[in-house]
């Protein structure tokens, strides 16, 4: 119902500002000078009362006022129209339909009347009558063709819907809403060939439209046709050599073809292009990090690439780099990237855990205590935070503090035998440091039993 609001506003504007129209046929500016004038004055009073009540959403009262108008003059179609609208708002669809049909019988070509009746049917999901009504509307306003196409989709008449969309595209040019509907149809029918054929035709008609090229690359990739996706990407590069977005696809194809230097060039283009959003850049970098993890001889290129965006790396990028360096055995670089990620996402529990475990691994116990205490303020029910704090305190010769955190952490531990064993092991170490050998041995036995 694209035109509905505009059409109704125009109608009401004309009705109120030009009250001599054929709808009301009453001169509200004329001073009543006889009995007929009194009737017209009374009609005016009730009619505008109805408009006022509808405006403040008192639809029942609006109906009452309109019924009074009807008693004074039953030959004005606008009364039935207004009654139909108010009944529609009240969800009294039967009365709405009856009154709107009465108005239409008096003025069959009135688009506002037809549009309101269409809305009545649409709200009831009465597609058969909605289709019948909108086909009448299409005669007067081509914009309704898009609504008609949507109804054809509801009726699973996909060919008719696509034909209408093609007709609208030819007449008015492409639009996002029609493209979305077209893609919905292709997705419902599973007809990837039609979708691709449509894009190829668009490219033939307008080779310089980058968006259609990119969509074609994506659609080929989605169907697993990497050969044609690669060909489509190369075609775009020929048509538009300065395209940045094409490299979002090209770097993958280059990696698959073992054209590593071309891939690196494409990755650099993506990461340094301001028009490409951060999420897309992060995905490309993540893919390249994964590639280098399996091909460490290109680590220098990775360092070179990441240096291009040193000041613009997001948390995910730092996290991905941290995981890469961790697998590569460079714990210092891994920790540095995890910390940078944590600065940008200070409440990310996974990052907090990654940092703490890595700090434990490199024996930076003071940092573990400070960071775990800060993390416990955010996540007081996470047992791992109590455990790492206790491990750090045990290693710093603070067994009482370790015991305190371990006992608190055990209260939050549920169905995790492996971590429970770690808690008991640390309690054993702490009590041994306090020379309480019996408790130390008891906790050691509990840990051993859980590990069996």
Protein backbone atom coordinates (compact mmCIF):
# COMPACT_ATOMS: atom_id res chain seq x y z
CA UNK A 1 0.00 0.00 0.00
CA UNK A 2 2.68 2.46 -1.06
CA UNK A 3 0.35 5.27 -2.11
CA UNK A 4 -2.25 4.92 0.59
CA UNK A 5 -1.18 7.61 3.03
CA UNK A 6 -0.55 10.21 0.33
CA UNK A 7 -3.81 9.51 -1.45
CA UNK A 8 -5.94 9.75 1.68
CA UNK A 9 -4.23 12.96 2.81
CA UNK A 10 -4.85 14.52 -0.59
CA UNK A 11 -8.46 13.40 -0.46
CA UNK A 12 -9.12 14.79 3.03
CA UNK A 13 -7.24 18.00 2.25
CA UNK A 14 -9.44 18.52 -0.78
CA UNK A 15 -12.58 17.58 1.13
CA UNK A 16 -11.91 19.99 3.98
CA UNK A 17 -10.36 22.90 2.11
CA UNK A 18 -12.76 22.70 -0.84
CA UNK A 19 -16.04 21.69 0.78
CA UNK A 20 -18.00 22.39 -2.40
CA UNK A 21 -16.70 19.14 -3.96
CA UNK A 22 -18.95 16.50 -5.35
CA UNK A 23 -18.31 14.33 -2.26
CA UNK A 24 -20.06 16.61 0.22
CA UNK A 25 -21.89 18.95 -2.13
CA UNK A 26 -22.37 21.36 0.77
CA UNK A 27 -21.24 24.99 0.92
CA UNK A 28 -20.05 25.20 4.51
CA UNK A 29 -19.21 28.89 4.02
CA UNK A 30 -22.77 29.80 3.13
CA UNK A 31 -24.84 31.29 5.94
CA UNK A 32 -28.06 29.30 6.44
CA UNK A 33 -31.09 31.42 5.56
CA UNK A 34 -33.84 28.75 5.43
CA UNK A 35 -34.71 25.24 6.60
CA UNK A 36 -32.31 23.73 4.03
CA UNK A 37 -29.58 25.93 5.42
CA UNK A 38 -30.26 24.62 8.91
CA UNK A 39 -29.96 21.07 7.66
CA UNK A 40 -26.67 21.83 5.99
CA UNK A 41 -25.43 23.54 9.13
CA UNK A 42 -26.38 20.51 11.23
CA UNK A 43 -24.72 18.19 8.70
CA UNK A 44 -21.56 20.28 8.88
CA UNK A 45 -21.53 20.11 12.67
CA UNK A 46 -21.87 16.32 12.80
CA UNK A 47 -19.44 15.71 9.96
CA UNK A 48 -16.63 17.75 11.47
CA UNK A 49 -17.37 16.24 14.87
CA UNK A 50 -16.79 12.86 13.23
CA UNK A 51 -13.48 14.02 11.78
CA UNK A 52 -12.44 15.40 15.16
CA UNK A 53 -13.31 12.20 17.01
CA UNK A 54 -11.49 10.08 14.43
CA UNK A 55 -8.47 12.35 14.79
CA UNK A 56 -8.29 11.61 18.53
CA UNK A 57 -9.00 7.91 17.88
CA UNK A 58 -12.51 7.92 19.34
CA UNK A 59 -13.79 5.80 16.48
CA UNK A 60 -17.06 4.80 18.15
CA UNK A 61 -18.03 8.44 18.61
CA UNK A 62 -16.99 9.20 15.05
CA UNK A 63 -19.35 6.48 13.85
CA UNK A 64 -22.18 7.97 15.95
CA UNK A 65 -21.65 11.40 14.39
CA UNK A 66 -21.53 9.92 10.90
CA UNK A 67 -24.77 8.03 11.47
CA UNK A 68 -26.36 11.39 12.27
CA UNK A 69 -24.99 12.72 8.98
CA UNK A 70 -26.48 9.70 7.23
CA UNK A 71 -29.89 10.45 8.73
CA UNK A 72 -29.70 13.95 7.25
CA UNK A 73 -28.42 12.91 3.81
CA UNK A 74 -27.87 9.31 2.72
CA UNK A 75 -26.70 10.17 -0.79
CA UNK A 76 -23.21 11.44 -0.03
CA UNK A 77 -20.56 8.71 -0.69
CA UNK A 78 -18.07 10.43 1.59
CA UNK A 79 -20.20 9.48 4.64
CA UNK A 80 -20.00 5.79 3.77
CA UNK A 81 -16.27 6.19 3.11
CA UNK A 82 -15.68 7.74 6.54
CA UNK A 83 -17.86 5.09 8.19
CA UNK A 84 -15.79 2.41 6.42
CA UNK A 85 -12.55 3.89 7.70
CA UNK A 86 -13.75 4.12 11.28
CA UNK A 87 -15.16 0.60 11.26
CA UNK A 88 -11.85 -0.56 9.83
CA UNK A 89 -10.03 1.03 12.77
CA UNK A 90 -12.47 -0.68 15.14
CA UNK A 91 -11.70 -4.02 13.42
CA UNK A 92 -15.39 -4.31 12.52
CA UNK A 93 -14.46 -5.50 9.07
CA UNK A 94 -17.94 -6.58 8.00
CA UNK A 95 -19.39 -3.11 8.59
CA UNK A 96 -16.30 -1.52 7.03
CA UNK A 97 -16.68 -3.62 3.89
CA UNK A 98 -20.40 -2.92 3.60
CA UNK A 99 -19.99 0.86 3.87
CA UNK A 100 -17.02 1.02 1.54
CA UNK A 101 -18.83 -1.07 -1.07
CA UNK A 102 -21.76 1.35 -0.78
CA UNK A 103 -19.42 4.30 -1.37
CA UNK A 104 -17.82 2.51 -4.36
CA UNK A 105 -21.24 1.72 -5.86
CA UNK A 106 -21.89 5.46 -5.87
CA UNK A 107 -18.43 6.36 -7.24
CA UNK A 108 -16.86 3.23 -8.81
CA UNK A 109 -13.65 4.95 -9.90
CA UNK A 110 -12.77 6.60 -6.59
CA UNK A 111 -9.26 5.35 -5.74
CA UNK A 112 -9.47 6.34 -2.06
CA UNK A 113 -12.56 4.22 -1.58
CA UNK A 114 -10.93 1.27 -3.34
CA UNK A 115 -7.72 1.65 -1.38
CA UNK A 116 -9.52 1.57 1.96
CA UNK A 117 -11.47 -1.51 0.89
CA UNK A 118 -8.16 -3.13 -0.13
CA UNK A 119 -6.83 -2.44 3.37
CA UNK A 120 -9.91 -4.06 4.92
CA UNK A 121 -9.30 -7.24 2.95
CA UNK A 122 -5.54 -7.14 3.54
CA UNK A 123 -5.98 -6.91 7.30
CA UNK A 124 -8.22 -9.97 7.23
CA UNK A 125 -5.74 -11.85 5.04
CA UNK A 126 -8.53 -12.16 2.47
CA UNK A 127 -6.12 -12.43 -0.45
CA UNK A 128 -8.76 -13.32 -3.02
CA UNK A 129 -10.73 -10.10 -2.49
CA UNK A 130 -7.57 -8.08 -1.92
CA UNK A 131 -6.32 -9.19 -5.35
CA UNK A 132 -9.64 -8.32 -6.96
CA UNK A 133 -9.61 -4.82 -5.43
CA UNK A 134 -5.97 -4.01 -6.12
CA UNK A 135 -6.38 -4.99 -9.77
CA UNK A 136 -8.91 -2.17 -9.96
CA UNK A 137 -6.47 0.20 -8.26
CA UNK A 138 -3.67 -0.65 -10.69
CA UNK A 139 -5.75 0.92 -13.47
CA UNK A 140 -5.41 4.31 -11.80
CA UNK A 141 -2.01 4.14 -10.06
CA UNK A 142 0.81 1.91 -11.39
CA UNK A 143 2.53 2.08 -7.97
CA UNK A 144 0.01 -0.47 -6.77
CA UNK A 145 1.62 -3.02 -9.07
CA UNK A 146 4.26 -3.64 -6.41
CA UNK A 147 1.51 -4.43 -3.90
CA UNK A 148 -0.07 -6.69 -6.49
CA UNK A 149 3.25 -8.50 -6.95
CA UNK A 150 3.47 -9.00 -3.18
CA UNK A 151 -0.02 -10.53 -3.19
CA UNK A 152 0.97 -12.83 -6.04
CA UNK A 153 3.88 -14.01 -3.87
CA UNK A 154 1.42 -14.71 -1.05
CA UNK A 155 -0.65 -16.74 -3.51
CA UNK A 156 2.52 -18.54 -4.71
CA UNK A 157 2.01 -17.13 -8.21
CA UNK A 158 5.72 -16.40 -8.56
CA UNK A 159 5.86 -16.08 -12.35
CA UNK A 160 3.14 -13.41 -12.32
CA UNK A 161 4.99 -11.58 -9.52
CA UNK A 162 8.31 -11.65 -11.39
CA UNK A 163 6.65 -10.44 -14.60
CA UNK A 164 5.20 -7.46 -12.71
CA UNK A 165 8.56 -6.67 -11.10
CA UNK A 166 10.24 -6.78 -14.52
CA UNK A 167 7.57 -4.44 -15.86
CA UNK A 168 8.10 -1.99 -12.98
CA UNK A 169 11.89 -2.15 -13.31
CA UNK A 170 11.60 -1.38 -17.03
CA UNK A 171 9.26 1.55 -16.41
CA UNK A 172 10.72 3.10 -13.24
CA UNK A 173 14.23 1.69 -12.91
CA UNK A 174 15.52 -0.63 -10.22
CA UNK A 175 14.55 -0.32 -6.56
CA UNK A 176 15.74 -1.94 -3.34
CA UNK A 177 12.25 -2.99 -2.29
CA UNK A 178 11.57 -4.75 -5.60
CA UNK A 179 15.00 -6.38 -5.54
CA UNK A 180 14.29 -7.66 -2.04
CA UNK A 181 10.98 -9.13 -3.20
CA UNK A 182 12.64 -10.68 -6.24
CA UNK A 183 15.31 -12.28 -4.05
CA UNK A 184 12.65 -13.59 -1.70
CA UNK A 185 10.95 -15.27 -4.66
CA UNK A 186 14.22 -16.82 -5.84
CA UNK A 187 14.94 -18.05 -2.32
CA UNK A 188 11.45 -19.55 -1.97
CA UNK A 189 11.55 -21.27 -5.35
CA UNK A 190 15.21 -22.24 -5.01
CA UNK A 191 15.74 -21.18 -8.61
CA UNK A 192 19.32 -19.92 -8.56
CA UNK A 193 19.54 -19.98 -12.36
CA UNK A 194 16.78 -17.39 -12.74
CA UNK A 195 18.43 -15.17 -10.16
CA UNK A 196 21.78 -15.37 -11.93
CA UNK A 197 20.19 -14.88 -15.35
CA UNK A 198 18.50 -11.72 -14.09
CA UNK A 199 21.80 -10.33 -12.80
CA UNK A 200 23.62 -11.19 -16.03
CA UNK A 201 20.91 -9.38 -18.00
CA UNK A 202 21.25 -6.34 -15.77
CA UNK A 203 25.01 -6.32 -16.31
CA UNK A 204 24.50 -6.60 -20.07
CA UNK A 205 22.13 -3.62 -19.94
CA UNK A 206 24.39 -1.57 -17.67
CA UNK A 207 27.97 -2.90 -17.51
CA UNK A 208 29.21 -0.05 -15.33
CA UNK A 209 26.89 -0.88 -12.39
CA UNK A 210 29.33 -2.31 -9.84
CA UNK A 211 26.60 -3.48 -7.49
CA UNK A 212 25.18 -5.95 -10.01
CA UNK A 213 28.65 -7.40 -10.66
CA UNK A 214 29.21 -7.88 -6.93
CA UNK A 215 25.83 -9.56 -6.53
CA UNK A 216 26.63 -11.92 -9.40
CA UNK A 217 29.96 -12.86 -7.79
CA UNK A 218 28.18 -13.53 -4.52
CA UNK A 219 25.41 -15.61 -6.14
CA UNK A 220 27.87 -17.77 -8.04
CA UNK A 221 29.88 -18.29 -4.86
CA UNK A 222 26.71 -19.15 -2.94
CA UNK A 223 25.88 -21.91 -5.42
CA UNK A 224 29.43 -23.28 -5.22
CA UNK A 225 30.29 -22.24 -8.78
CA UNK A 226 33.72 -20.85 -7.93
CA UNK A 227 34.86 -20.88 -11.55
CA UNK A 228 32.14 -18.50 -12.71
CA UNK A 229 32.40 -16.44 -9.52
CA UNK A 230 36.12 -15.93 -10.26
CA UNK A 231 35.28 -15.08 -13.87
CA UNK A 232 32.66 -12.55 -12.74
CA UNK A 233 35.19 -10.92 -10.40
CA UNK A 234 37.77 -10.64 -13.17
CA UNK A 235 35.11 -9.18 -15.46
CA UNK A 236 34.29 -6.50 -12.88
CA UNK A 237 38.00 -5.68 -12.56
CA UNK A 238 38.17 -5.17 -16.34
CA UNK A 239 35.09 -2.93 -16.35
CA UNK A 240 36.11 -1.04 -13.23
CA UNK A 241 39.86 -1.38 -12.53
CA UNK A 242 39.65 0.93 -9.51
CA UNK A 243 36.99 -1.19 -7.76
CA UNK A 244 37.87 -1.84 -4.14
CA UNK A 245 34.95 -4.14 -3.32
CA UNK A 246 35.94 -6.72 -5.95
CA UNK A 247 39.00 -7.53 -3.84
CA UNK A 248 36.70 -8.86 -1.11
CA UNK A 249 36.25 -11.82 -3.46
CA UNK A 250 39.50 -11.79 -5.43
CA UNK A 251 41.83 -12.42 -2.47
CA UNK A 252 40.13 -15.79 -1.87
CA UNK A 253 40.34 -16.82 -5.49
CA UNK A 254 44.00 -15.82 -5.61
CA UNK A 255 44.76 -17.89 -2.52
CA UNK A 256 42.96 -20.89 -4.04
CA UNK A 257 44.99 -20.47 -7.26
CA UNK A 258 48.20 -20.13 -5.24
CA UNK A 259 48.67 -16.57 -6.56
CA UNK A 260 49.88 -15.48 -3.16
CA UNK A 261 51.33 -12.10 -4.09
CA UNK A 262 48.12 -11.15 -5.89
CA UNK A 263 46.18 -12.27 -2.81
CA UNK A 264 48.38 -10.17 -0.54
CA UNK A 265 47.85 -7.17 -2.81
CA UNK A 266 44.07 -7.68 -2.66
CA UNK A 267 44.13 -8.00 1.14
CA UNK A 268 46.10 -4.74 1.39
CA UNK A 269 43.59 -3.02 -0.91
CA UNK A 270 40.69 -4.14 1.28
CA UNK A 271 42.32 -3.18 4.57
CA UNK A 272 43.27 0.31 3.40
CA UNK A 273 39.99 1.17 1.65
CA UNK A 274 37.87 3.62 3.69
CA UNK A 275 34.71 2.63 1.80
CA UNK A 276 34.89 -0.98 3.01
CA UNK A 277 33.38 -1.45 6.48
CA UNK A 278 35.26 -2.73 9.52
CA UNK A 279 33.41 -6.06 9.69
CA UNK A 280 34.38 -6.98 6.13
CA UNK A 281 37.98 -5.98 6.79
CA UNK A 282 38.09 -8.08 9.95
CA UNK A 283 36.84 -11.13 8.02
CA UNK A 284 39.49 -10.72 5.33
CA UNK A 285 42.25 -10.32 7.89
CA UNK A 286 40.97 -13.34 9.81
CA UNK A 287 41.13 -15.43 6.62
CA UNK A 288 44.66 -14.26 5.92
CA UNK A 289 45.74 -14.95 9.51
CA UNK A 290 44.39 -18.50 9.11
CA UNK A 291 46.30 -18.84 5.84
CA UNK A 292 49.56 -17.71 7.44
CA UNK A 293 48.98 -20.10 10.36
CA UNK A 294 49.23 -22.94 7.82
CA UNK A 295 51.91 -21.17 5.75
CA UNK A 296 54.26 -19.52 8.28
CA UNK A 297 56.68 -18.49 5.54
CA UNK A 298 54.32 -15.57 4.88
CA UNK A 299 54.45 -14.21 8.43
CA UNK A 300 56.50 -11.22 7.26
CA UNK A 301 53.67 -10.33 4.90
CA UNK A 302 51.19 -10.65 7.77
CA UNK A 303 53.23 -8.24 9.88
CA UNK A 304 53.44 -5.88 6.92
CA UNK A 305 49.68 -6.09 6.36
CA UNK A 306 48.75 -5.55 10.01
CA UNK A 307 51.08 -2.55 10.20
CA UNK A 308 48.87 -0.89 7.58
CA UNK A 309 46.00 -0.79 10.07
CA UNK A 310 47.88 -0.49 13.37
CA UNK A 311 45.76 2.42 14.49
CA UNK A 312 42.50 0.97 13.22
CA UNK A 313 42.39 -2.64 14.37
CA UNK A 314 39.16 -3.55 16.11
CA UNK A 315 38.84 -5.93 19.05
CA UNK A 316 38.08 -8.93 16.84
CA UNK A 317 41.15 -8.29 14.70
CA UNK A 318 43.41 -8.10 17.76
CA UNK A 319 41.79 -11.24 19.15
CA UNK A 320 42.34 -13.15 15.89
CA UNK A 321 45.96 -12.02 15.79
CA UNK A 322 46.35 -13.07 19.42
CA UNK A 323 45.12 -16.58 18.59
CA UNK A 324 47.47 -16.74 15.61
CA UNK A 325 50.53 -15.75 17.64
CA UNK A 326 49.48 -18.13 20.41
CA UNK A 327 49.42 -21.06 17.95
CA UNK A 328 52.72 -19.87 16.52
CA UNK A 329 54.24 -19.98 20.02
CA UNK A 330 54.87 -16.24 20.34
CA UNK A 331 53.21 -15.71 23.72
CA UNK A 332 54.40 -12.11 24.11
CA UNK A 333 52.75 -10.99 20.84
CA UNK A 334 49.67 -13.06 21.63
CA UNK A 335 49.28 -11.41 25.03
CA UNK A 336 49.89 -7.96 23.56
CA UNK A 337 47.07 -8.45 21.03
CA UNK A 338 44.69 -9.93 23.60
CA UNK A 339 45.28 -6.91 25.85
CA UNK A 340 44.65 -4.51 22.98
CA UNK A 341 41.41 -6.34 22.21
CA UNK A 342 40.43 -6.16 25.87
CA UNK A 343 40.96 -2.39 25.92
CA UNK A 344 38.28 -2.08 23.27
CA UNK A 345 35.98 -4.74 24.76
CA UNK A 346 36.68 -4.61 28.51
CA UNK A 347 33.65 -6.77 29.41
CA UNK A 348 34.40 -9.60 26.97
CA UNK A 349 34.71 -12.62 29.28
CA UNK A 350 36.52 -14.80 26.74
CA UNK A 351 39.18 -12.13 26.28
CA UNK A 352 39.50 -11.71 30.04
CA UNK A 353 40.04 -15.46 30.41
CA UNK A 354 42.54 -15.58 27.51
CA UNK A 355 44.60 -12.78 29.06
CA UNK A 356 44.59 -14.30 32.56
CA UNK A 357 45.56 -17.79 31.39
CA UNK A 358 48.35 -16.41 29.26
CA UNK A 359 49.62 -14.29 32.15
CA UNK A 360 49.66 -17.42 34.32
CA UNK A 361 51.52 -19.26 31.58
CA UNK A 362 54.30 -16.64 31.48
CA UNK A 363 54.29 -16.45 35.32
CA UNK A 364 53.20 -12.82 35.58
CA UNK A 365 51.39 -13.54 38.86
CA UNK A 366 51.01 -9.97 40.07
CA UNK A 367 49.20 -9.06 36.86
CA UNK A 368 46.95 -12.12 37.28
CA UNK A 369 45.92 -11.00 40.78
CA UNK A 370 45.19 -7.41 39.74
CA UNK A 371 43.30 -8.39 36.58
CA UNK A 372 41.35 -11.26 38.17
CA UNK A 373 40.21 -9.03 41.06
CA UNK A 374 38.97 -6.49 38.52
CA UNK A 375 37.26 -9.23 36.53
CA UNK A 376 35.52 -10.57 39.67
CA UNK A 377 33.79 -7.22 40.03
CA UNK A 378 32.19 -7.86 36.64
CA UNK A 379 31.72 -11.62 36.92
CA UNK A 380 31.52 -12.64 40.61
CA UNK A 381 29.99 -16.04 39.77
CA UNK A 382 32.74 -17.27 37.42
CA UNK A 383 34.79 -19.98 39.23
CA UNK A 384 37.73 -19.77 36.79
CA UNK A 385 38.48 -16.25 38.05
CA UNK A 386 38.78 -17.47 41.66
CA UNK A 387 40.97 -20.35 40.52
CA UNK A 388 43.51 -18.27 38.57
CA UNK A 389 43.68 -15.78 41.45
CA UNK A 390 44.41 -18.63 43.86
CA UNK A 391 47.09 -20.10 41.60
CA UNK A 392 48.81 -16.70 41.45
CA UNK A 393 48.58 -16.24 45.24
CA UNK A 394 49.99 -19.74 45.86
CA UNK A 395 52.94 -18.94 43.60
CA UNK A 396 53.51 -15.61 45.39
CA UNK A 397 53.56 -17.29 48.82
CA UNK A 398 50.10 -16.12 49.90
CA UNK A 399 48.36 -19.45 50.77
CA UNK A 400 45.69 -17.90 53.03
CA UNK A 401 44.52 -15.61 50.23
CA UNK A 402 44.56 -18.56 47.88
CA UNK A 403 42.39 -20.63 50.25
CA UNK A 404 39.94 -17.75 50.67
CA UNK A 405 39.42 -17.45 46.88
CA UNK A 406 39.27 -21.21 46.37
CA UNK A 407 36.56 -21.68 48.98
CA UNK A 408 34.50 -18.85 47.47
CA UNK A 409 34.97 -20.19 43.96
CA UNK A 410 33.85 -23.70 44.89
CA UNK A 411 30.42 -22.29 45.79
CA UNK A 412 29.92 -21.36 42.12
CA UNK A 413 31.31 -24.56 40.61
CA UNK A 414 28.68 -26.82 39.05
CA UNK A 415 29.20 -30.04 37.08
CA UNK A 416 32.82 -29.46 36.12
CA UNK A 417 34.92 -32.32 37.59
CA UNK A 418 38.11 -31.24 35.83
CA UNK A 419 38.03 -27.71 37.27
CA UNK A 420 36.93 -29.08 40.64
CA UNK A 421 40.06 -31.26 40.68
CA UNK A 422 42.15 -28.12 39.97
CA UNK A 423 40.51 -26.37 42.92
CA UNK A 424 41.35 -29.26 45.24
CA UNK A 425 44.92 -29.42 43.93
CA UNK A 426 45.44 -25.74 44.72
CA UNK A 427 43.85 -26.18 48.16
CA UNK A 428 46.28 -29.03 48.79
CA UNK A 429 49.22 -26.79 47.80
CA UNK A 430 47.96 -23.92 50.00
CA UNK A 431 47.43 -26.07 53.11
CA UNK A 432 50.82 -27.70 52.61
CA UNK A 433 52.38 -24.23 52.59
CA UNK A 434 50.61 -23.59 55.91
CA UNK A 435 52.02 -26.90 57.21
CA UNK A 436 48.51 -28.40 57.57
CA UNK A 437 49.50 -31.74 56.14
CA UNK A 438 46.29 -33.62 56.94
CA UNK A 439 44.10 -31.16 55.01
CA UNK A 440 46.67 -31.00 52.25
CA UNK A 441 46.58 -34.77 51.80
CA UNK A 442 42.78 -34.89 52.03
CA UNK A 443 42.40 -32.36 49.20
CA UNK A 444 45.08 -34.13 47.17
CA UNK A 445 43.06 -37.36 47.43
CA UNK A 446 39.88 -35.56 46.33
CA UNK A 447 41.71 -34.14 43.31
CA UNK A 448 43.13 -37.53 42.39
CA UNK A 449 39.71 -39.21 42.67
CA UNK A 450 38.18 -36.70 40.25
CA UNK A 451 40.98 -37.19 37.73
CA UNK A 452 40.57 -40.97 37.58
